[in-house]
N, C-alpha and C. Protein backbone atom coordinates (compact mmCIF):
# COMPACT_ATOMS: atom_id res chain seq x y z
N MET A 1 75.11 155.18 147.99
CA MET A 1 75.00 156.39 147.26
C MET A 1 75.60 155.91 145.60
N PHE A 2 76.24 155.13 145.64
CA PHE A 2 76.86 154.87 144.36
C PHE A 2 76.45 153.33 143.89
N GLU A 3 75.37 153.01 143.97
CA GLU A 3 74.81 151.52 143.54
C GLU A 3 74.61 151.85 142.17
N GLN A 4 73.87 152.87 141.62
CA GLN A 4 73.50 152.90 140.19
C GLN A 4 74.61 153.29 139.39
N THR A 5 75.31 154.16 140.14
CA THR A 5 76.62 154.68 139.48
C THR A 5 77.69 153.58 138.65
N VAL A 6 77.60 152.48 139.71
CA VAL A 6 78.48 151.18 139.06
C VAL A 6 77.71 150.80 137.53
N THR A 7 76.78 150.52 137.42
CA THR A 7 76.07 150.29 136.16
C THR A 7 76.18 151.50 135.17
N ASP A 8 76.06 152.60 135.44
CA ASP A 8 76.02 153.60 134.56
C ASP A 8 77.59 153.76 134.17
N LEU A 9 78.52 153.47 134.75
CA LEU A 9 79.78 153.74 134.39
C LEU A 9 80.56 152.36 133.73
N GLN A 10 79.67 151.33 133.66
CA GLN A 10 80.10 150.20 133.00
C GLN A 10 79.45 150.23 131.49
N GLN A 11 78.95 151.27 131.26
CA GLN A 11 78.13 151.23 129.64
C GLN A 11 79.47 151.99 129.23
N PRO A 12 79.44 151.45 127.92
CA PRO A 12 80.34 151.91 127.40
C PRO A 12 80.58 153.59 126.62
N SER A 13 81.79 154.07 126.77
CA SER A 13 82.10 155.43 126.78
C SER A 13 81.14 156.45 127.79
N ALA A 14 80.80 155.95 128.79
CA ALA A 14 79.92 156.81 129.82
C ALA A 14 80.90 157.65 130.41
N ILE A 15 80.10 158.80 130.86
CA ILE A 15 80.73 159.79 131.58
C ILE A 15 79.52 160.40 132.45
N GLY A 16 79.98 160.81 133.72
CA GLY A 16 79.13 161.35 134.47
C GLY A 16 79.56 162.30 135.39
N VAL A 17 78.48 162.94 136.53
CA VAL A 17 79.22 163.82 137.37
C VAL A 17 78.71 163.24 138.92
N ILE A 18 79.75 163.01 139.71
CA ILE A 18 79.65 162.57 141.00
C ILE A 18 80.40 163.59 142.09
N PRO A 19 80.01 163.30 143.33
CA PRO A 19 80.73 164.22 144.22
C PRO A 19 81.96 163.07 144.62
N THR A 20 83.13 163.88 144.75
CA THR A 20 84.34 163.12 145.11
C THR A 20 84.60 163.23 146.72
N ASP A 21 85.85 162.99 146.97
CA ASP A 21 86.27 163.52 148.40
C ASP A 21 86.41 165.05 148.64
N THR A 22 86.51 165.66 147.57
CA THR A 22 86.82 167.16 147.38
C THR A 22 85.86 167.61 147.09
N VAL A 23 85.44 167.91 145.61
CA VAL A 23 84.51 168.48 144.87
C VAL A 23 83.83 167.79 144.24
N TYR A 24 82.65 168.24 143.13
CA TYR A 24 81.88 167.37 142.34
C TYR A 24 83.04 167.27 140.91
N GLY A 25 82.81 166.22 140.46
CA GLY A 25 84.05 165.87 139.41
C GLY A 25 82.93 165.19 138.40
N VAL A 26 83.64 165.54 137.10
CA VAL A 26 83.21 164.86 135.80
C VAL A 26 84.28 163.49 135.97
N VAL A 27 83.43 162.38 136.07
CA VAL A 27 84.22 161.13 135.87
C VAL A 27 84.02 160.16 134.41
N ALA A 28 85.21 159.57 134.37
CA ALA A 28 84.98 158.24 133.36
C ALA A 28 85.91 157.34 133.80
N ARG A 29 85.67 155.83 133.55
CA ARG A 29 86.79 154.79 133.72
C ARG A 29 87.82 155.16 132.91
N ALA A 30 88.84 155.08 133.71
CA ALA A 30 90.33 155.31 133.17
C ALA A 30 90.49 154.24 132.07
N SER A 31 89.89 152.96 132.25
CA SER A 31 90.41 151.98 131.14
C SER A 31 89.31 151.98 129.65
N ASP A 32 88.35 153.11 129.93
CA ASP A 32 87.65 153.28 128.67
C ASP A 32 88.14 154.37 127.99
N GLN A 33 88.72 154.35 127.00
CA GLN A 33 89.41 155.32 126.05
C GLN A 33 88.31 156.29 125.44
N ALA A 34 87.43 155.80 125.13
CA ALA A 34 86.19 156.51 124.34
C ALA A 34 85.89 157.50 125.33
N ALA A 35 85.51 156.81 126.54
CA ALA A 35 84.71 157.79 127.71
C ALA A 35 85.89 158.89 128.21
N VAL A 36 86.97 158.65 128.12
CA VAL A 36 88.06 159.61 128.51
C VAL A 36 88.09 160.79 127.63
N ALA A 37 88.00 160.33 126.18
CA ALA A 37 87.96 161.45 125.04
C ALA A 37 86.63 162.49 125.25
N ARG A 38 85.70 161.29 125.64
CA ARG A 38 84.28 162.30 125.90
C ARG A 38 84.59 163.18 127.11
N LEU A 39 85.09 162.74 128.26
CA LEU A 39 85.45 163.65 129.54
C LEU A 39 85.95 164.65 128.87
N TYR A 40 87.16 164.78 128.21
CA TYR A 40 88.12 166.13 127.84
C TYR A 40 87.33 166.70 126.80
N ALA A 41 86.32 166.27 126.08
CA ALA A 41 85.82 166.94 125.02
C ALA A 41 84.44 167.83 125.73
N VAL A 42 83.72 167.19 126.70
CA VAL A 42 82.82 168.03 127.48
C VAL A 42 83.38 169.17 128.24
N LYS A 43 84.75 168.78 128.85
CA LYS A 43 85.54 169.73 129.71
C LYS A 43 86.13 170.89 128.88
N ASN A 44 86.24 170.78 127.44
CA ASN A 44 86.91 171.51 126.50
C ASN A 44 88.37 171.91 126.98
N ARG A 45 88.96 170.58 127.23
CA ARG A 45 90.51 170.53 127.76
C ARG A 45 91.35 169.26 126.44
N THR A 46 92.29 170.15 126.32
CA THR A 46 93.00 169.62 124.99
C THR A 46 94.57 169.17 125.71
N ASN A 47 94.97 170.00 126.47
CA ASN A 47 96.33 170.04 126.77
C ASN A 47 96.72 170.17 128.38
N LYS A 48 95.22 170.00 129.20
CA LYS A 48 95.45 170.05 130.60
C LYS A 48 94.83 168.46 131.25
N PRO A 49 95.68 167.52 131.40
CA PRO A 49 95.08 166.20 131.57
C PRO A 49 94.09 166.52 133.31
N GLY A 50 93.38 165.38 133.34
CA GLY A 50 92.61 165.39 134.73
C GLY A 50 93.28 164.76 135.75
N THR A 51 92.80 164.26 136.84
CA THR A 51 93.68 163.43 138.02
C THR A 51 92.65 162.08 137.91
N LEU A 52 93.55 161.11 138.27
CA LEU A 52 93.18 159.63 138.48
C LEU A 52 93.02 159.49 139.80
N ILE A 53 92.09 158.96 140.06
CA ILE A 53 91.57 158.53 141.39
C ILE A 53 91.53 156.87 141.32
N ALA A 54 91.91 156.42 142.35
CA ALA A 54 91.86 154.77 142.55
C ALA A 54 91.66 154.51 143.93
N ALA A 55 91.29 153.21 144.09
CA ALA A 55 90.87 152.80 145.63
C ALA A 55 92.26 152.28 146.30
N SER A 56 93.29 152.26 145.47
CA SER A 56 94.54 151.82 145.96
C SER A 56 95.63 151.77 145.37
N ILE A 57 96.98 152.03 145.80
CA ILE A 57 98.04 151.87 144.92
C ILE A 57 98.38 150.62 143.85
N GLU A 58 97.45 149.55 144.20
CA GLU A 58 97.44 148.47 143.37
C GLU A 58 96.64 148.43 141.88
N GLN A 59 95.48 149.32 142.32
CA GLN A 59 94.90 149.49 140.90
C GLN A 59 95.50 150.48 140.01
N PHE A 60 96.48 151.55 140.59
CA PHE A 60 97.17 152.30 139.66
C PHE A 60 98.25 151.39 138.98
N VAL A 61 99.04 150.66 139.82
CA VAL A 61 99.88 149.61 138.99
C VAL A 61 99.41 148.83 138.10
N ALA A 62 98.22 148.28 138.38
CA ALA A 62 97.28 147.45 137.23
C ALA A 62 97.19 148.37 135.91
N LEU A 63 96.91 149.69 135.92
CA LEU A 63 96.49 150.55 135.00
C LEU A 63 97.96 150.78 134.24
N GLY A 64 98.97 150.67 134.96
CA GLY A 64 100.30 150.98 134.15
C GLY A 64 101.26 152.24 134.91
N ILE A 65 100.73 152.51 136.01
CA ILE A 65 101.83 153.49 136.92
C ILE A 65 102.95 152.96 137.36
N GLU A 66 103.79 153.09 137.43
CA GLU A 66 105.03 152.39 137.90
C GLU A 66 105.01 152.41 139.50
N ARG A 67 105.13 151.47 140.26
CA ARG A 67 104.94 151.15 141.57
C ARG A 67 106.02 152.04 142.37
N ARG A 68 107.19 152.22 141.86
CA ARG A 68 108.50 152.89 142.48
C ARG A 68 107.95 154.36 142.55
N TYR A 69 107.08 154.91 141.75
CA TYR A 69 106.66 156.43 141.93
C TYR A 69 105.81 156.16 142.82
N LEU A 70 105.06 155.23 143.02
CA LEU A 70 103.54 155.46 143.79
C LEU A 70 104.37 155.11 145.42
N LYS A 71 105.26 154.30 145.25
CA LYS A 71 105.73 153.92 147.13
C LYS A 71 106.35 155.20 147.38
N ALA A 72 106.89 156.16 146.65
CA ALA A 72 107.44 157.40 146.96
C ALA A 72 106.31 158.41 147.63
N VAL A 73 105.17 158.40 147.25
CA VAL A 73 104.31 159.45 147.61
C VAL A 73 102.91 158.63 148.40
N GLU A 74 103.14 157.51 148.90
CA GLU A 74 101.92 156.85 149.48
C GLU A 74 101.82 157.47 150.66
N GLN A 75 102.64 158.13 151.30
CA GLN A 75 102.21 158.85 152.78
C GLN A 75 101.48 159.74 152.69
N PHE A 76 100.73 160.14 151.32
CA PHE A 76 99.88 161.37 151.12
C PHE A 76 98.27 160.83 151.31
N TRP A 77 98.35 159.49 151.30
CA TRP A 77 97.03 158.90 150.85
C TRP A 77 96.67 157.89 152.06
N PRO A 78 95.37 157.57 152.17
CA PRO A 78 94.23 158.48 151.41
C PRO A 78 94.23 159.94 151.95
N GLY A 79 93.68 160.58 151.17
CA GLY A 79 93.71 161.97 151.53
C GLY A 79 93.53 162.96 149.97
N PRO A 80 93.29 164.06 150.09
CA PRO A 80 93.03 165.09 149.19
C PRO A 80 94.23 165.71 148.63
N VAL A 81 95.38 164.83 148.43
CA VAL A 81 96.42 165.58 147.88
C VAL A 81 96.84 164.53 146.72
N SER A 82 96.60 165.24 145.21
CA SER A 82 96.99 164.63 143.83
C SER A 82 98.46 164.85 143.95
N VAL A 83 98.96 164.02 143.24
CA VAL A 83 100.61 163.91 143.00
C VAL A 83 100.92 163.67 141.51
N ILE A 84 101.44 164.42 140.91
CA ILE A 84 101.90 164.35 139.35
C ILE A 84 103.07 163.55 139.44
N LEU A 85 102.71 162.58 138.63
CA LEU A 85 104.02 161.61 138.67
C LEU A 85 103.97 161.19 137.11
N PRO A 86 105.32 160.67 136.74
CA PRO A 86 105.50 160.08 135.22
C PRO A 86 104.60 159.09 134.85
N ALA A 87 103.99 158.95 133.66
CA ALA A 87 103.25 158.22 133.06
C ALA A 87 103.58 157.92 131.51
N GLY A 88 103.46 156.57 131.31
CA GLY A 88 104.27 155.92 129.95
C GLY A 88 103.18 156.35 128.86
N GLU A 89 103.76 156.22 127.68
CA GLU A 89 103.03 156.25 126.68
C GLU A 89 101.67 155.68 126.28
N ASP A 90 101.77 154.40 126.80
CA ASP A 90 100.61 153.59 126.85
C ASP A 90 99.39 154.22 127.61
N LEU A 91 99.49 155.20 128.32
CA LEU A 91 98.51 156.11 129.10
C LEU A 91 98.38 157.41 128.61
N ALA A 92 99.24 157.54 127.30
CA ALA A 92 98.85 159.18 126.73
C ALA A 92 97.47 159.47 126.66
N TYR A 93 96.51 158.43 126.42
CA TYR A 93 95.28 158.95 126.32
C TYR A 93 94.66 159.48 127.61
N LEU A 94 95.21 159.24 128.58
CA LEU A 94 94.90 159.70 130.01
C LEU A 94 95.40 161.11 130.26
N HIS A 95 96.76 161.23 130.24
CA HIS A 95 97.45 162.23 130.43
C HIS A 95 97.75 163.35 129.13
N ALA A 96 96.92 163.01 127.88
CA ALA A 96 96.98 164.28 126.78
C ALA A 96 98.30 164.42 126.49
N TYR A 97 99.08 163.33 126.21
CA TYR A 97 100.24 163.33 125.81
C TYR A 97 101.35 164.17 126.74
N LYS A 98 101.11 164.53 127.75
CA LYS A 98 102.10 165.57 128.64
C LYS A 98 102.92 164.60 129.49
N GLY A 99 103.09 163.28 129.45
CA GLY A 99 104.10 162.59 130.03
C GLY A 99 103.70 162.12 131.39
N THR A 100 102.83 163.04 131.81
CA THR A 100 102.66 163.37 133.38
C THR A 100 101.11 163.03 133.79
N LEU A 101 100.79 162.38 134.95
CA LEU A 101 99.38 162.26 135.58
C LEU A 101 99.25 162.61 136.69
N ALA A 102 98.46 163.32 137.53
CA ALA A 102 98.25 163.63 138.92
C ALA A 102 97.37 162.39 139.20
N VAL A 103 97.57 161.86 140.50
CA VAL A 103 97.17 160.53 140.94
C VAL A 103 96.64 160.72 142.31
N ARG A 104 95.76 160.33 142.89
CA ARG A 104 95.34 160.27 143.98
C ARG A 104 94.41 159.05 144.61
N VAL A 105 94.44 158.57 145.75
CA VAL A 105 93.78 157.58 146.64
C VAL A 105 92.65 158.42 147.57
N PRO A 106 91.42 158.69 147.35
CA PRO A 106 90.70 159.48 147.92
C PRO A 106 90.22 158.94 149.58
N ASP A 107 89.80 159.79 150.34
CA ASP A 107 89.89 159.31 151.57
C ASP A 107 88.15 159.62 151.98
N ASP A 108 87.19 158.56 151.18
CA ASP A 108 85.98 158.65 151.19
C ASP A 108 85.42 157.34 151.00
N ASP A 109 84.99 156.53 152.09
CA ASP A 109 84.53 155.15 151.93
C ASP A 109 83.37 155.00 150.85
N ASP A 110 82.51 155.87 150.69
CA ASP A 110 81.66 155.37 149.43
C ASP A 110 82.54 155.62 148.27
N LEU A 111 83.23 156.50 147.85
CA LEU A 111 84.13 156.50 146.80
C LEU A 111 85.26 155.53 146.65
N ILE A 112 85.67 155.09 147.62
CA ILE A 112 86.50 153.76 147.51
C ILE A 112 85.70 152.62 147.13
N GLY A 113 84.42 152.40 147.61
CA GLY A 113 83.80 151.20 147.32
C GLY A 113 83.45 151.28 145.65
N LEU A 114 83.04 152.39 145.15
CA LEU A 114 82.79 152.64 143.72
C LEU A 114 84.06 152.17 143.04
N LEU A 115 84.98 152.97 143.47
CA LEU A 115 86.58 152.57 142.66
C LEU A 115 86.88 151.02 142.93
N GLU A 116 86.41 150.38 143.71
CA GLU A 116 86.92 148.73 143.86
C GLU A 116 86.10 148.03 143.24
N GLN A 117 84.67 148.49 142.57
CA GLN A 117 83.93 148.01 141.75
C GLN A 117 84.12 148.02 140.04
N VAL A 118 84.35 149.60 140.00
CA VAL A 118 84.57 149.92 138.71
C VAL A 118 86.19 150.16 138.07
N GLY A 119 87.16 150.11 139.32
CA GLY A 119 88.34 150.30 138.78
C GLY A 119 88.60 152.01 138.73
N PRO A 120 90.10 152.51 138.61
CA PRO A 120 90.36 153.90 138.58
C PRO A 120 89.51 154.74 137.46
N LEU A 121 89.34 156.01 138.19
CA LEU A 121 88.32 156.85 137.56
C LEU A 121 89.20 158.20 137.08
N LEU A 122 89.21 158.70 135.76
CA LEU A 122 89.55 159.77 135.23
C LEU A 122 88.70 160.84 135.75
N THR A 123 88.93 161.90 136.61
CA THR A 123 88.03 162.82 136.75
C THR A 123 88.47 164.24 136.75
N SER A 124 87.77 165.36 136.74
CA SER A 124 88.17 166.73 136.55
C SER A 124 86.97 167.37 136.96
N SER A 125 87.20 168.43 137.89
CA SER A 125 86.45 169.26 138.50
C SER A 125 85.23 169.64 137.74
N ALA A 126 83.95 169.47 138.32
CA ALA A 126 82.56 169.74 137.21
C ALA A 126 82.49 171.42 137.12
N ASN A 127 83.20 172.12 135.93
CA ASN A 127 83.00 173.29 135.73
C ASN A 127 83.63 173.29 134.28
N GLN A 128 83.64 174.60 133.60
CA GLN A 128 84.00 174.70 132.32
C GLN A 128 85.34 175.78 132.58
N PRO A 129 86.57 175.82 131.85
CA PRO A 129 87.53 176.45 132.10
C PRO A 129 87.26 177.78 132.57
N GLY A 130 87.98 178.62 133.62
CA GLY A 130 87.63 179.55 133.92
C GLY A 130 86.41 179.82 134.86
N GLU A 131 85.75 178.67 135.18
CA GLU A 131 84.41 178.96 135.88
C GLU A 131 85.07 178.12 137.26
N PRO A 132 83.97 178.52 138.47
CA PRO A 132 84.26 178.05 139.68
C PRO A 132 83.60 176.45 139.58
N PRO A 133 84.14 175.74 140.28
CA PRO A 133 83.87 174.36 140.56
C PRO A 133 82.16 174.62 140.98
N ALA A 134 81.44 173.44 140.37
CA ALA A 134 80.21 173.18 140.84
C ALA A 134 80.08 172.90 142.33
N VAL A 135 79.35 173.37 143.21
CA VAL A 135 79.14 172.87 144.47
C VAL A 135 77.64 171.95 144.76
N SER A 136 76.96 171.92 143.36
CA SER A 136 75.68 171.30 143.93
C SER A 136 75.69 170.55 142.09
N VAL A 137 74.51 169.61 142.20
CA VAL A 137 74.48 169.00 141.00
C VAL A 137 73.69 169.85 140.09
N ASN A 138 73.10 170.66 140.57
CA ASN A 138 71.97 171.77 139.87
C ASN A 138 73.25 172.67 139.23
N GLU A 139 74.47 172.99 139.95
CA GLU A 139 75.29 173.81 138.93
C GLU A 139 75.94 172.96 137.99
N ALA A 140 76.15 171.65 138.29
CA ALA A 140 77.01 170.76 137.48
C ALA A 140 76.22 170.81 136.31
N ARG A 141 74.74 170.60 136.34
CA ARG A 141 73.85 170.67 135.40
C ARG A 141 73.76 171.48 134.17
N ASN A 142 74.04 173.05 135.09
CA ASN A 142 74.11 174.27 134.25
C ASN A 142 75.18 174.18 133.21
N TYR A 143 76.33 173.46 133.79
CA TYR A 143 77.65 173.23 133.12
C TYR A 143 77.28 172.38 131.92
N PHE A 144 76.89 171.26 132.17
CA PHE A 144 77.08 170.04 131.16
C PHE A 144 75.70 169.58 130.53
N GLY A 145 74.50 169.92 131.32
CA GLY A 145 73.25 169.80 130.57
C GLY A 145 73.18 168.06 130.50
N ASP A 146 72.90 167.79 129.22
CA ASP A 146 72.59 166.58 128.70
C ASP A 146 73.98 165.87 128.03
N GLU A 147 75.16 166.56 128.15
CA GLU A 147 76.28 166.27 127.40
C GLU A 147 77.12 165.11 128.25
N VAL A 148 76.57 164.77 129.78
CA VAL A 148 76.76 163.72 130.51
C VAL A 148 76.03 163.00 130.77
N ASP A 149 76.16 161.37 130.79
CA ASP A 149 75.13 160.47 130.96
C ASP A 149 74.53 160.18 132.22
N PHE A 150 74.97 160.94 133.37
CA PHE A 150 74.24 161.05 134.71
C PHE A 150 74.79 161.78 135.72
N TYR A 151 74.16 162.09 136.61
CA TYR A 151 74.65 162.81 137.87
C TYR A 151 74.03 162.26 139.10
N VAL A 152 75.16 162.35 139.97
CA VAL A 152 74.81 161.87 141.37
C VAL A 152 74.58 162.93 142.57
N ASP A 153 73.77 162.89 143.27
CA ASP A 153 73.83 164.16 143.91
C ASP A 153 74.42 163.88 145.31
N GLY A 154 75.11 164.67 145.73
CA GLY A 154 76.05 164.41 146.89
C GLY A 154 75.84 165.57 147.81
N GLY A 155 74.82 166.35 147.78
CA GLY A 155 74.41 167.50 148.38
C GLY A 155 75.17 168.52 148.14
N ASP A 156 75.31 169.86 148.90
CA ASP A 156 75.76 170.84 148.87
C ASP A 156 77.10 170.71 149.29
N LEU A 157 78.40 170.79 148.52
CA LEU A 157 79.58 170.50 148.62
C LEU A 157 80.37 172.02 148.74
N SER A 158 79.88 173.08 149.05
CA SER A 158 80.52 174.65 148.97
C SER A 158 81.61 174.50 150.10
N GLY A 159 81.59 173.85 150.98
CA GLY A 159 82.65 173.65 151.97
C GLY A 159 83.64 173.10 151.76
N ARG A 160 83.83 172.47 150.54
CA ARG A 160 84.96 171.55 149.96
C ARG A 160 85.90 172.35 149.52
N LYS A 161 87.10 172.07 149.36
CA LYS A 161 88.18 172.58 148.59
C LYS A 161 88.53 171.39 147.55
N PRO A 162 89.09 171.92 146.31
CA PRO A 162 89.88 170.96 145.74
C PRO A 162 90.92 170.41 146.28
N SER A 163 91.63 169.25 145.67
CA SER A 163 93.08 168.38 146.18
C SER A 163 93.98 169.38 146.03
N THR A 164 94.90 169.48 147.05
CA THR A 164 96.33 169.99 146.90
C THR A 164 96.85 169.02 145.73
N VAL A 165 97.86 169.81 144.87
CA VAL A 165 98.41 168.93 143.84
C VAL A 165 100.08 169.57 144.02
N VAL A 166 100.73 168.32 144.12
CA VAL A 166 102.16 168.60 144.00
C VAL A 166 102.91 167.64 143.12
N ARG A 167 104.17 168.03 143.03
CA ARG A 167 104.98 167.12 142.09
C ARG A 167 106.32 167.22 142.96
N ILE A 168 107.11 166.07 142.52
CA ILE A 168 108.63 165.61 143.24
C ILE A 168 109.78 166.14 142.20
N ILE A 169 110.38 167.27 142.60
CA ILE A 169 111.45 167.49 141.68
C ILE A 169 112.90 167.51 142.48
N ASP A 170 113.91 166.71 141.92
CA ASP A 170 115.08 166.60 142.70
C ASP A 170 114.77 166.10 144.49
N ASP A 171 113.89 165.38 144.51
CA ASP A 171 113.67 165.11 145.88
C ASP A 171 112.95 165.98 146.85
N GLU A 172 112.51 166.94 146.09
CA GLU A 172 111.89 168.02 146.76
C GLU A 172 110.06 168.11 146.32
N ILE A 173 109.43 168.66 147.34
CA ILE A 173 108.07 168.45 146.89
C ILE A 173 107.63 170.09 146.49
N GLU A 174 107.15 170.22 145.25
CA GLU A 174 106.78 171.52 144.88
C GLU A 174 105.33 171.49 145.04
N VAL A 175 104.30 172.69 145.54
CA VAL A 175 103.17 172.61 145.69
C VAL A 175 102.70 173.36 144.35
N VAL A 176 102.02 172.76 143.48
CA VAL A 176 101.55 173.00 142.10
C VAL A 176 100.21 173.83 142.58
N ARG A 177 99.34 173.49 143.32
CA ARG A 177 98.04 174.33 143.74
C ARG A 177 97.72 173.77 145.09
N GLU A 178 97.73 174.89 146.05
CA GLU A 178 97.28 174.59 147.25
C GLU A 178 95.63 174.45 147.42
N GLY A 179 95.22 173.48 148.07
CA GLY A 179 93.91 172.82 148.10
C GLY A 179 93.47 172.51 149.46
N ALA A 180 93.00 171.41 149.40
CA ALA A 180 92.06 171.10 150.83
C ALA A 180 92.97 170.53 152.08
N VAL A 181 94.49 170.45 151.66
CA VAL A 181 95.40 170.21 152.74
C VAL A 181 96.75 171.14 152.50
N LYS A 182 97.29 171.56 153.52
CA LYS A 182 98.65 172.40 153.36
C LYS A 182 99.75 171.45 153.45
N ILE A 183 100.66 171.82 152.63
CA ILE A 183 102.03 170.74 152.72
C ILE A 183 103.07 171.81 153.04
N ASN A 184 103.62 171.29 154.28
CA ASN A 184 104.97 172.37 154.60
C ASN A 184 106.04 171.97 153.83
N GLU A 185 107.24 172.99 154.19
CA GLU A 185 108.70 172.93 153.37
C GLU A 185 109.10 171.45 153.60
N SER A 186 108.89 170.57 154.59
CA SER A 186 109.67 169.44 154.79
C SER A 186 108.90 168.20 153.90
N GLY A 187 107.62 168.82 153.28
CA GLY A 187 106.94 167.82 152.15
C GLY A 187 105.80 167.12 153.02
N GLU A 188 105.44 167.39 154.28
CA GLU A 188 104.51 166.63 155.23
C GLU A 188 103.17 167.45 155.20
N VAL A 189 101.97 167.01 155.33
CA VAL A 189 100.92 167.46 155.46
C VAL A 189 100.69 167.91 156.93
N GLU A 190 100.59 169.37 157.05
CA GLU A 190 100.26 170.11 158.28
C GLU A 190 99.00 169.38 158.73
N LYS A 191 98.97 169.27 160.09
CA LYS A 191 97.83 168.86 160.91
C LYS A 191 97.17 169.90 161.29
């Protein structure tokens, strides 16, 4: 599904729309600061960072996320749980100077294969602020038109929910946004 996407994402400052393990997302290679800036501009986001997805914890570490934070939450992955973690100033272009960044290892073999080839991607749902996420490529095109470089059609994703977003505060898990999975009071994914 993502054969051409590898080439597309390797172009300087490239952004596109792809199906993720949850919803359609606008994506940019996390290591490409110009692409990240374009993604935020297209999404009209200035103070709300996207989510960083990677094939493995090792990819997050290579990008600059501290391993100790990742080891504390690795039980959520692979899966549709995004965890807000501290991120250093060297990643300020990714976290929009907030000091934290949501990260996730997705549970989708095709997407993992893409991430293994291009590295971590910054992603944000394919919509504009206050609008519902696109459930098809046509809806994504209505939001972004030719402002993005490419679209990957993954079919109708209307049955999918966005990721659940959590953060850890004083060794407790706080659910910021309930999404694809439910997290119980003990901080475990409910089956």
